[in-house]
Amino acid sequence: MVHFEIYRDLCRNMNTLLFDEKKCFYSTTIEEYGKDQKKLFKLTKNLMGSNSNVNLPHLTSAELLGDKFSNYFIRKTTIIRNKIISDTPNTTGDIIFNGNMLKIFRPTSEVEVNEIIIKSPNKSCDLDPLPIWILKKCVDHLLPLIIAIVNRSMVSDAVVFEWSHHMSAA
């Protein structure tokens, strides 16, 4: 009986030491990663026990696997389409617009566009040609060009951008 008590005490001590070491390790790791969101997300995902392995169905051929994926997306699309049609009041599936048509756009102003840009969050992704934080730093120089593009697009009913025209004016 005495040996069992000693064993339990040693197990408790070991668990306490293990917990403290894990806590120290993860605290240090989080500090090292700093503001690297990708690494922090990966660490958090690992801590939460998420499995990043993708398990694909085991089939005898790539053709069967492709057919299975195709059938899945066809079924999914059909379900979504049927849901949209059933939620639409008319029987044709066409959505009827009952509001007032917007016929005239008023030109925008530098104040209006500047306010929108300044209030925009600094979020961006790798696909953004110009991250918002850079746009905000250069807004005074780019604002006349942005206003010209927006106002011209509204007048012509198309997105218009004449790079050479604006670059030669600068």
N, C-alpha and C. Protein backbone atom coordinates (compact mmCIF):
# COMPACT_ATOMS: atom_id res chain seq x y z
N MET A 1 0.82 -1.20 0.00
CA MET A 1 0.00 0.00 0.00
C MET A 1 0.86 1.26 0.00
N VAL A 2 1.95 1.25 0.71
CA VAL A 2 2.86 2.40 0.78
C VAL A 2 3.45 2.68 -0.60
N HIS A 3 3.78 1.62 -1.32
CA HIS A 3 4.37 1.80 -2.65
C HIS A 3 3.37 2.45 -3.62
N PHE A 4 2.10 2.08 -3.47
CA PHE A 4 1.07 2.67 -4.32
C PHE A 4 0.93 4.17 -4.04
N GLU A 5 0.99 4.58 -2.78
CA GLU A 5 0.92 6.01 -2.42
C GLU A 5 2.11 6.76 -2.99
N ILE A 6 3.29 6.16 -2.88
CA ILE A 6 4.50 6.80 -3.44
C ILE A 6 4.34 6.95 -4.96
N TYR A 7 3.84 5.90 -5.60
CA TYR A 7 3.61 5.93 -7.05
C TYR A 7 2.64 7.05 -7.43
N ARG A 8 1.52 7.18 -6.72
CA ARG A 8 0.54 8.22 -7.02
C ARG A 8 1.13 9.62 -6.82
N ASP A 9 1.93 9.81 -5.77
CA ASP A 9 2.58 11.11 -5.54
C ASP A 9 3.54 11.43 -6.67
N LEU A 10 4.29 10.44 -7.10
CA LEU A 10 5.24 10.66 -8.21
C LEU A 10 4.48 10.98 -9.51
N CYS A 11 3.35 10.30 -9.73
CA CYS A 11 2.54 10.60 -10.93
C CYS A 11 2.01 12.02 -10.88
N ARG A 12 1.52 12.46 -9.73
CA ARG A 12 1.03 13.84 -9.59
C ARG A 12 2.15 14.85 -9.84
N ASN A 13 3.31 14.59 -9.26
CA ASN A 13 4.47 15.48 -9.47
C ASN A 13 4.86 15.52 -10.95
N MET A 14 4.86 14.35 -11.57
CA MET A 14 5.23 14.28 -12.99
C MET A 14 4.22 15.04 -13.84
N ASN A 15 2.92 14.88 -13.57
CA ASN A 15 1.89 15.60 -14.32
C ASN A 15 2.01 17.11 -14.13
N THR A 16 2.33 17.55 -12.92
CA THR A 16 2.52 18.97 -12.65
C THR A 16 3.71 19.50 -13.44
N LEU A 17 4.82 18.77 -13.41
CA LEU A 17 6.01 19.18 -14.17
C LEU A 17 5.72 19.21 -15.67
N LEU A 18 5.02 18.20 -16.15
CA LEU A 18 4.69 18.13 -17.56
C LEU A 18 3.79 19.30 -17.97
N PHE A 19 2.80 19.61 -17.16
CA PHE A 19 1.91 20.74 -17.43
C PHE A 19 2.70 22.05 -17.47
N ASP A 20 3.56 22.25 -16.48
CA ASP A 20 4.36 23.49 -16.43
C ASP A 20 5.28 23.61 -17.64
N GLU A 21 5.89 22.51 -18.06
CA GLU A 21 6.77 22.54 -19.22
C GLU A 21 6.00 22.83 -20.51
N LYS A 22 4.83 22.24 -20.66
CA LYS A 22 4.00 22.52 -21.84
C LYS A 22 3.60 23.98 -21.87
N LYS A 23 3.19 24.49 -20.73
CA LYS A 23 2.78 25.89 -20.62
C LYS A 23 3.93 26.81 -21.01
N CYS A 24 5.11 26.51 -20.49
CA CYS A 24 6.31 27.31 -20.82
C CYS A 24 6.63 27.21 -22.30
N PHE A 25 6.58 26.00 -22.85
CA PHE A 25 6.89 25.80 -24.27
C PHE A 25 5.95 26.61 -25.15
N TYR A 26 4.63 26.49 -24.91
CA TYR A 26 3.66 27.18 -25.77
C TYR A 26 3.71 28.69 -25.57
N SER A 27 3.97 29.15 -24.37
CA SER A 27 4.11 30.59 -24.14
C SER A 27 5.30 31.13 -24.92
N THR A 28 6.42 30.43 -24.86
CA THR A 28 7.62 30.84 -25.59
C THR A 28 7.38 30.80 -27.09
N THR A 29 6.72 29.75 -27.57
CA THR A 29 6.44 29.61 -29.00
C THR A 29 5.54 30.73 -29.49
N ILE A 30 4.52 31.05 -28.73
CA ILE A 30 3.60 32.13 -29.12
C ILE A 30 4.35 33.46 -29.18
N GLU A 31 5.23 33.71 -28.23
CA GLU A 31 6.03 34.94 -28.26
C GLU A 31 6.94 34.96 -29.48
N GLU A 32 7.54 33.82 -29.83
CA GLU A 32 8.43 33.74 -30.99
C GLU A 32 7.68 34.04 -32.28
N TYR A 33 6.47 33.52 -32.40
CA TYR A 33 5.69 33.73 -33.62
C TYR A 33 5.24 35.17 -33.75
N GLY A 34 5.13 35.87 -32.64
CA GLY A 34 4.76 37.29 -32.68
C GLY A 34 3.46 37.52 -33.41
N LYS A 35 3.53 38.29 -34.49
CA LYS A 35 2.32 38.64 -35.24
C LYS A 35 2.16 37.81 -36.51
N ASP A 36 2.88 36.69 -36.60
CA ASP A 36 2.75 35.81 -37.77
C ASP A 36 1.48 34.99 -37.61
N GLN A 37 0.38 35.52 -38.19
CA GLN A 37 -0.94 34.92 -38.02
C GLN A 37 -0.99 33.49 -38.54
N LYS A 38 -0.28 33.22 -39.60
CA LYS A 38 -0.31 31.88 -40.19
C LYS A 38 0.25 30.85 -39.22
N LYS A 39 1.40 31.17 -38.61
CA LYS A 39 2.01 30.24 -37.65
C LYS A 39 1.16 30.11 -36.39
N LEU A 40 0.60 31.23 -35.93
CA LEU A 40 -0.24 31.18 -34.73
C LEU A 40 -1.50 30.35 -34.97
N PHE A 41 -2.09 30.50 -36.15
CA PHE A 41 -3.29 29.74 -36.48
C PHE A 41 -2.97 28.25 -36.53
N LYS A 42 -1.84 27.91 -37.13
CA LYS A 42 -1.43 26.51 -37.24
C LYS A 42 -1.19 25.92 -35.84
N LEU A 43 -0.54 26.69 -34.97
CA LEU A 43 -0.28 26.24 -33.60
C LEU A 43 -1.60 26.03 -32.85
N THR A 44 -2.51 26.98 -32.97
CA THR A 44 -3.81 26.88 -32.30
C THR A 44 -4.59 25.68 -32.81
N LYS A 45 -4.56 25.49 -34.11
CA LYS A 45 -5.26 24.36 -34.71
C LYS A 45 -4.69 23.04 -34.18
N ASN A 46 -3.38 22.99 -34.04
CA ASN A 46 -2.72 21.81 -33.51
C ASN A 46 -3.11 21.58 -32.05
N LEU A 47 -3.14 22.66 -31.26
CA LEU A 47 -3.51 22.55 -29.86
C LEU A 47 -4.95 22.08 -29.68
N MET A 48 -5.81 22.49 -30.60
CA MET A 48 -7.23 22.12 -30.50
C MET A 48 -7.49 20.71 -31.02
N GLY A 49 -6.45 20.07 -31.51
CA GLY A 49 -6.59 18.69 -31.96
C GLY A 49 -7.15 18.54 -33.36
N SER A 50 -7.12 19.60 -34.15
CA SER A 50 -7.63 19.50 -35.52
C SER A 50 -6.66 18.69 -36.37
N ASN A 51 -7.22 17.85 -37.17
CA ASN A 51 -6.42 17.03 -38.06
C ASN A 51 -6.40 17.68 -39.43
N SER A 52 -5.21 17.99 -39.94
CA SER A 52 -5.12 18.67 -41.23
C SER A 52 -5.03 17.69 -42.39
N ASN A 53 -5.03 16.38 -42.10
CA ASN A 53 -4.97 15.40 -43.17
C ASN A 53 -6.33 15.32 -43.86
N VAL A 54 -6.29 15.34 -45.18
CA VAL A 54 -7.51 15.22 -45.96
C VAL A 54 -7.65 13.76 -46.37
N ASN A 55 -8.73 13.16 -46.00
CA ASN A 55 -8.97 11.77 -46.35
C ASN A 55 -9.91 11.70 -47.53
N LEU A 56 -9.39 11.25 -48.67
CA LEU A 56 -10.19 11.09 -49.86
C LEU A 56 -10.74 9.66 -49.89
N PRO A 57 -11.88 9.48 -50.53
CA PRO A 57 -12.43 8.12 -50.60
C PRO A 57 -11.49 7.21 -51.39
N HIS A 58 -11.44 5.97 -50.97
CA HIS A 58 -10.58 4.99 -51.66
C HIS A 58 -11.39 4.31 -52.76
N LEU A 59 -11.03 4.57 -53.99
CA LEU A 59 -11.70 3.95 -55.12
C LEU A 59 -10.65 3.30 -56.00
N THR A 60 -11.11 2.43 -56.87
CA THR A 60 -10.16 1.67 -57.68
C THR A 60 -9.55 2.48 -58.82
N SER A 61 -10.21 3.56 -59.23
CA SER A 61 -9.64 4.33 -60.34
C SER A 61 -9.91 5.83 -60.16
N ALA A 62 -9.09 6.61 -60.84
CA ALA A 62 -9.26 8.06 -60.81
C ALA A 62 -10.57 8.45 -61.47
N GLU A 63 -11.00 7.69 -62.46
CA GLU A 63 -12.26 7.97 -63.16
C GLU A 63 -13.45 7.83 -62.21
N LEU A 64 -13.46 6.78 -61.39
CA LEU A 64 -14.53 6.59 -60.41
C LEU A 64 -14.53 7.71 -59.38
N LEU A 65 -13.34 8.10 -58.95
CA LEU A 65 -13.23 9.21 -57.99
C LEU A 65 -13.76 10.50 -58.60
N GLY A 66 -13.40 10.78 -59.85
CA GLY A 66 -13.90 11.97 -60.55
C GLY A 66 -15.41 11.94 -60.69
N ASP A 67 -15.95 10.77 -61.02
CA ASP A 67 -17.41 10.63 -61.13
C ASP A 67 -18.09 10.88 -59.79
N LYS A 68 -17.49 10.38 -58.73
CA LYS A 68 -18.07 10.55 -57.39
C LYS A 68 -18.09 12.05 -57.01
N PHE A 69 -16.98 12.75 -57.27
CA PHE A 69 -16.93 14.20 -57.01
C PHE A 69 -17.96 14.93 -57.87
N SER A 70 -18.02 14.59 -59.14
CA SER A 70 -18.96 15.24 -60.05
C SER A 70 -20.40 15.05 -59.58
N ASN A 71 -20.75 13.82 -59.24
CA ASN A 71 -22.12 13.55 -58.77
C ASN A 71 -22.43 14.31 -57.49
N TYR A 72 -21.46 14.42 -56.60
CA TYR A 72 -21.66 15.16 -55.36
C TYR A 72 -22.01 16.62 -55.67
N PHE A 73 -21.23 17.27 -56.53
CA PHE A 73 -21.47 18.68 -56.84
C PHE A 73 -22.74 18.89 -57.67
N ILE A 74 -23.07 17.94 -58.51
CA ILE A 74 -24.33 18.04 -59.26
C ILE A 74 -25.51 17.98 -58.30
N ARG A 75 -25.47 17.04 -57.35
CA ARG A 75 -26.54 16.94 -56.35
C ARG A 75 -26.62 18.22 -55.53
N LYS A 76 -25.46 18.72 -55.09
CA LYS A 76 -25.42 19.93 -54.27
C LYS A 76 -26.02 21.12 -55.03
N THR A 77 -25.63 21.28 -56.29
CA THR A 77 -26.13 22.37 -57.13
C THR A 77 -27.63 22.25 -57.34
N THR A 78 -28.11 21.04 -57.57
CA THR A 78 -29.54 20.81 -57.76
C THR A 78 -30.32 21.18 -56.51
N ILE A 79 -29.82 20.80 -55.35
CA ILE A 79 -30.49 21.13 -54.09
C ILE A 79 -30.57 22.65 -53.91
N ILE A 80 -29.45 23.35 -54.16
CA ILE A 80 -29.43 24.81 -54.01
C ILE A 80 -30.37 25.46 -55.01
N ARG A 81 -30.33 25.01 -56.26
CA ARG A 81 -31.20 25.58 -57.30
C ARG A 81 -32.67 25.38 -56.93
N ASN A 82 -33.03 24.18 -56.49
CA ASN A 82 -34.42 23.90 -56.10
C ASN A 82 -34.84 24.75 -54.91
N LYS A 83 -33.94 24.98 -53.98
CA LYS A 83 -34.25 25.81 -52.82
C LYS A 83 -34.52 27.26 -53.26
N ILE A 84 -33.69 27.77 -54.16
CA ILE A 84 -33.88 29.14 -54.66
C ILE A 84 -35.21 29.26 -55.38
N ILE A 85 -35.52 28.29 -56.22
CA ILE A 85 -36.77 28.33 -56.97
C ILE A 85 -37.97 28.22 -56.04
N SER A 86 -37.89 27.36 -55.03
CA SER A 86 -39.02 27.21 -54.11
C SER A 86 -39.22 28.44 -53.24
N ASP A 87 -38.16 29.21 -52.99
CA ASP A 87 -38.28 30.42 -52.20
C ASP A 87 -38.76 31.61 -53.02
N THR A 88 -38.74 31.49 -54.34
CA THR A 88 -39.14 32.58 -55.23
C THR A 88 -40.66 32.53 -55.41
N PRO A 89 -41.35 33.68 -55.23
CA PRO A 89 -42.81 33.68 -55.28
C PRO A 89 -43.40 33.32 -56.64
N ASN A 90 -42.75 33.65 -57.74
CA ASN A 90 -43.34 33.35 -59.05
C ASN A 90 -42.94 31.95 -59.50
N THR A 91 -43.65 31.41 -60.46
CA THR A 91 -43.44 30.03 -60.88
C THR A 91 -42.33 29.88 -61.90
N THR A 92 -41.89 30.94 -62.54
CA THR A 92 -40.86 30.82 -63.57
C THR A 92 -39.46 30.77 -62.98
N GLY A 93 -39.30 31.15 -61.75
CA GLY A 93 -37.98 31.18 -61.15
C GLY A 93 -37.28 32.51 -61.34
N ASP A 94 -37.88 33.41 -62.16
CA ASP A 94 -37.29 34.73 -62.37
C ASP A 94 -37.57 35.61 -61.16
N ILE A 95 -36.61 36.39 -60.80
CA ILE A 95 -36.79 37.31 -59.69
C ILE A 95 -37.29 38.63 -60.24
N ILE A 96 -38.40 39.10 -59.69
CA ILE A 96 -39.01 40.34 -60.17
C ILE A 96 -38.56 41.48 -59.27
N PHE A 97 -38.01 42.53 -59.90
CA PHE A 97 -37.56 43.70 -59.16
C PHE A 97 -38.72 44.67 -59.06
N ASN A 98 -39.12 45.02 -57.83
CA ASN A 98 -40.25 45.92 -57.61
C ASN A 98 -39.82 47.31 -57.16
N GLY A 99 -38.54 47.56 -57.06
CA GLY A 99 -38.05 48.85 -56.58
C GLY A 99 -37.96 49.88 -57.68
N ASN A 100 -37.42 51.03 -57.36
CA ASN A 100 -37.21 52.10 -58.33
C ASN A 100 -35.86 51.89 -59.01
N MET A 101 -35.85 52.00 -60.31
CA MET A 101 -34.61 51.85 -61.06
C MET A 101 -33.71 53.06 -60.82
N LEU A 102 -32.44 52.82 -60.66
CA LEU A 102 -31.47 53.89 -60.50
C LEU A 102 -31.06 54.33 -61.90
N LYS A 103 -31.47 55.55 -62.27
CA LYS A 103 -31.27 56.00 -63.64
C LYS A 103 -30.12 56.98 -63.77
N ILE A 104 -29.85 57.73 -62.72
CA ILE A 104 -28.82 58.75 -62.80
C ILE A 104 -27.89 58.61 -61.59
N PHE A 105 -26.61 58.60 -61.87
CA PHE A 105 -25.61 58.61 -60.80
C PHE A 105 -25.13 60.03 -60.62
N ARG A 106 -24.96 60.43 -59.40
CA ARG A 106 -24.38 61.75 -59.17
C ARG A 106 -22.86 61.56 -59.07
N PRO A 107 -22.11 62.50 -59.55
CA PRO A 107 -20.65 62.38 -59.45
C PRO A 107 -20.23 62.33 -57.98
N THR A 108 -19.19 61.60 -57.73
CA THR A 108 -18.67 61.51 -56.37
C THR A 108 -17.67 62.63 -56.15
N SER A 109 -17.34 62.86 -54.90
CA SER A 109 -16.40 63.94 -54.58
C SER A 109 -15.17 63.36 -53.90
N GLU A 110 -14.12 64.16 -53.86
CA GLU A 110 -12.89 63.73 -53.19
C GLU A 110 -13.14 63.48 -51.71
N VAL A 111 -13.96 64.31 -51.10
CA VAL A 111 -14.27 64.14 -49.68
C VAL A 111 -14.93 62.79 -49.43
N GLU A 112 -15.92 62.45 -50.26
CA GLU A 112 -16.66 61.20 -50.11
C GLU A 112 -15.74 59.98 -50.28
N VAL A 113 -14.95 59.96 -51.33
CA VAL A 113 -14.07 58.82 -51.61
C VAL A 113 -12.96 58.74 -50.56
N ASN A 114 -12.41 59.88 -50.19
CA ASN A 114 -11.36 59.90 -49.17
C ASN A 114 -11.88 59.31 -47.86
N GLU A 115 -13.10 59.67 -47.49
CA GLU A 115 -13.70 59.15 -46.25
C GLU A 115 -13.87 57.63 -46.32
N ILE A 116 -14.30 57.12 -47.46
CA ILE A 116 -14.47 55.68 -47.63
C ILE A 116 -13.12 54.97 -47.51
N ILE A 117 -12.11 55.50 -48.15
CA ILE A 117 -10.78 54.88 -48.11
C ILE A 117 -10.22 54.90 -46.70
N ILE A 118 -10.29 56.04 -46.03
CA ILE A 118 -9.73 56.17 -44.68
C ILE A 118 -10.44 55.25 -43.69
N LYS A 119 -11.76 55.08 -43.85
CA LYS A 119 -12.53 54.22 -42.94
C LYS A 119 -12.38 52.74 -43.25
N SER A 120 -11.81 52.40 -44.41
CA SER A 120 -11.67 50.99 -44.78
C SER A 120 -10.68 50.30 -43.86
N PRO A 121 -10.98 49.05 -43.47
CA PRO A 121 -10.04 48.32 -42.63
C PRO A 121 -8.78 47.97 -43.42
N ASN A 122 -7.68 47.81 -42.75
CA ASN A 122 -6.41 47.53 -43.41
C ASN A 122 -6.26 46.07 -43.82
N LYS A 123 -7.35 45.34 -43.89
CA LYS A 123 -7.30 43.94 -44.30
C LYS A 123 -6.99 43.87 -45.78
N SER A 124 -6.23 42.88 -46.16
CA SER A 124 -5.96 42.63 -47.56
C SER A 124 -5.51 41.20 -47.72
N CYS A 125 -5.42 40.76 -48.97
CA CYS A 125 -4.89 39.42 -49.23
C CYS A 125 -3.82 39.55 -50.30
N ASP A 126 -3.14 38.45 -50.56
CA ASP A 126 -2.05 38.46 -51.53
C ASP A 126 -2.51 38.82 -52.93
N LEU A 127 -3.79 38.65 -53.21
CA LEU A 127 -4.31 38.94 -54.55
C LEU A 127 -4.61 40.42 -54.77
N ASP A 128 -4.65 41.21 -53.69
CA ASP A 128 -4.92 42.64 -53.83
C ASP A 128 -3.75 43.31 -54.56
N PRO A 129 -4.04 44.00 -55.67
CA PRO A 129 -2.94 44.67 -56.39
C PRO A 129 -2.36 45.83 -55.59
N LEU A 130 -3.18 46.44 -54.74
CA LEU A 130 -2.73 47.57 -53.93
C LEU A 130 -3.34 47.42 -52.54
N PRO A 131 -2.55 46.99 -51.57
CA PRO A 131 -3.08 46.85 -50.21
C PRO A 131 -3.63 48.17 -49.68
N ILE A 132 -4.68 48.09 -48.86
CA ILE A 132 -5.35 49.28 -48.34
C ILE A 132 -4.38 50.18 -47.58
N TRP A 133 -3.48 49.61 -46.80
CA TRP A 133 -2.58 50.46 -46.01
C TRP A 133 -1.69 51.31 -46.90
N ILE A 134 -1.31 50.80 -48.07
CA ILE A 134 -0.51 51.60 -49.01
C ILE A 134 -1.40 52.67 -49.65
N LEU A 135 -2.62 52.27 -50.02
CA LEU A 135 -3.56 53.24 -50.59
C LEU A 135 -3.79 54.40 -49.63
N LYS A 136 -3.94 54.09 -48.36
CA LYS A 136 -4.16 55.14 -47.36
C LYS A 136 -2.97 56.09 -47.28
N LYS A 137 -1.76 55.55 -47.39
CA LYS A 137 -0.57 56.41 -47.33
C LYS A 137 -0.44 57.30 -48.56
N CYS A 138 -0.95 56.82 -49.70
CA CYS A 138 -0.81 57.55 -50.96
C CYS A 138 -2.10 58.20 -51.41
N VAL A 139 -3.11 58.22 -50.54
CA VAL A 139 -4.44 58.67 -50.95
C VAL A 139 -4.44 60.08 -51.53
N ASP A 140 -3.64 60.98 -51.00
CA ASP A 140 -3.64 62.37 -51.51
C ASP A 140 -3.20 62.41 -52.97
N HIS A 141 -2.26 61.56 -53.35
CA HIS A 141 -1.75 61.56 -54.73
C HIS A 141 -2.67 60.78 -55.67
N LEU A 142 -3.33 59.73 -55.16
CA LEU A 142 -4.16 58.87 -56.00
C LEU A 142 -5.62 59.31 -56.10
N LEU A 143 -6.05 60.14 -55.18
CA LEU A 143 -7.46 60.53 -55.12
C LEU A 143 -7.98 61.15 -56.43
N PRO A 144 -7.28 62.08 -57.06
CA PRO A 144 -7.79 62.64 -58.32
C PRO A 144 -7.97 61.56 -59.40
N LEU A 145 -7.07 60.60 -59.46
CA LEU A 145 -7.17 59.51 -60.44
C LEU A 145 -8.38 58.62 -60.11
N ILE A 146 -8.56 58.29 -58.86
CA ILE A 146 -9.69 57.45 -58.45
C ILE A 146 -11.01 58.14 -58.75
N ILE A 147 -11.10 59.43 -58.43
CA ILE A 147 -12.32 60.20 -58.69
C ILE A 147 -12.62 60.21 -60.19
N ALA A 148 -11.59 60.42 -61.01
CA ALA A 148 -11.79 60.44 -62.47
C ALA A 148 -12.30 59.09 -62.97
N ILE A 149 -11.75 57.99 -62.47
CA ILE A 149 -12.17 56.65 -62.89
C ILE A 149 -13.63 56.40 -62.48
N VAL A 150 -13.95 56.68 -61.23
CA VAL A 150 -15.31 56.43 -60.72
C VAL A 150 -16.33 57.27 -61.47
N ASN A 151 -16.08 58.57 -61.58
CA ASN A 151 -17.06 59.46 -62.23
C ASN A 151 -17.22 59.13 -63.72
N ARG A 152 -16.14 58.84 -64.38
CA ARG A 152 -16.21 58.50 -65.81
C ARG A 152 -16.94 57.18 -66.01
N SER A 153 -16.73 56.23 -65.10
CA SER A 153 -17.42 54.95 -65.19
C SER A 153 -18.92 55.12 -65.00
N MET A 154 -19.32 56.00 -64.12
CA MET A 154 -20.75 56.23 -63.89
C MET A 154 -21.41 56.88 -65.10
N VAL A 155 -20.72 57.77 -65.74
CA VAL A 155 -21.28 58.45 -66.91
C VAL A 155 -21.38 57.50 -68.10
N SER A 156 -20.39 56.63 -68.26
CA SER A 156 -20.35 55.76 -69.45
C SER A 156 -20.99 54.39 -69.23
N ASP A 157 -21.48 54.10 -68.03
CA ASP A 157 -22.07 52.78 -67.70
C ASP A 157 -21.06 51.65 -67.87
N ALA A 158 -19.79 51.94 -67.72
CA ALA A 158 -18.76 50.91 -67.83
C ALA A 158 -17.58 51.32 -66.96
N VAL A 159 -16.79 50.34 -66.59
CA VAL A 159 -15.59 50.67 -65.83
C VAL A 159 -14.55 51.14 -66.83
N VAL A 160 -14.12 52.36 -66.67
CA VAL A 160 -13.21 52.98 -67.63
C VAL A 160 -11.92 53.33 -66.91
N PHE A 161 -10.82 52.97 -67.54
CA PHE A 161 -9.54 53.35 -66.97
C PHE A 161 -8.56 53.56 -68.12
N GLU A 162 -8.20 54.79 -68.33
CA GLU A 162 -7.23 55.11 -69.38
C GLU A 162 -5.92 55.43 -68.72
N TRP A 163 -5.11 54.43 -68.50
CA TRP A 163 -3.85 54.57 -67.79
C TRP A 163 -2.93 55.60 -68.45
N SER A 164 -2.76 55.49 -69.75
CA SER A 164 -1.82 56.38 -70.43
C SER A 164 -2.24 57.84 -70.33
N HIS A 165 -3.56 58.10 -70.38
CA HIS A 165 -4.06 59.45 -70.29
C HIS A 165 -3.71 60.06 -68.93
N HIS A 166 -3.99 59.31 -67.87
CA HIS A 166 -3.76 59.83 -66.52
C HIS A 166 -2.28 59.88 -66.18
N MET A 167 -1.51 58.94 -66.71
CA MET A 167 -0.08 58.94 -66.41
C MET A 167 0.62 60.09 -67.11
N SER A 168 0.18 60.44 -68.30
CA SER A 168 0.84 61.54 -69.01
C SER A 168 0.48 62.88 -68.39
N ALA A 169 -0.68 62.94 -67.71
CA ALA A 169 -1.08 64.19 -67.05
C ALA A 169 -0.31 64.41 -65.77
N ALA A 170 0.20 63.33 -65.19
CA ALA A 170 0.89 63.43 -63.90
C ALA A 170 2.27 63.98 -63.99
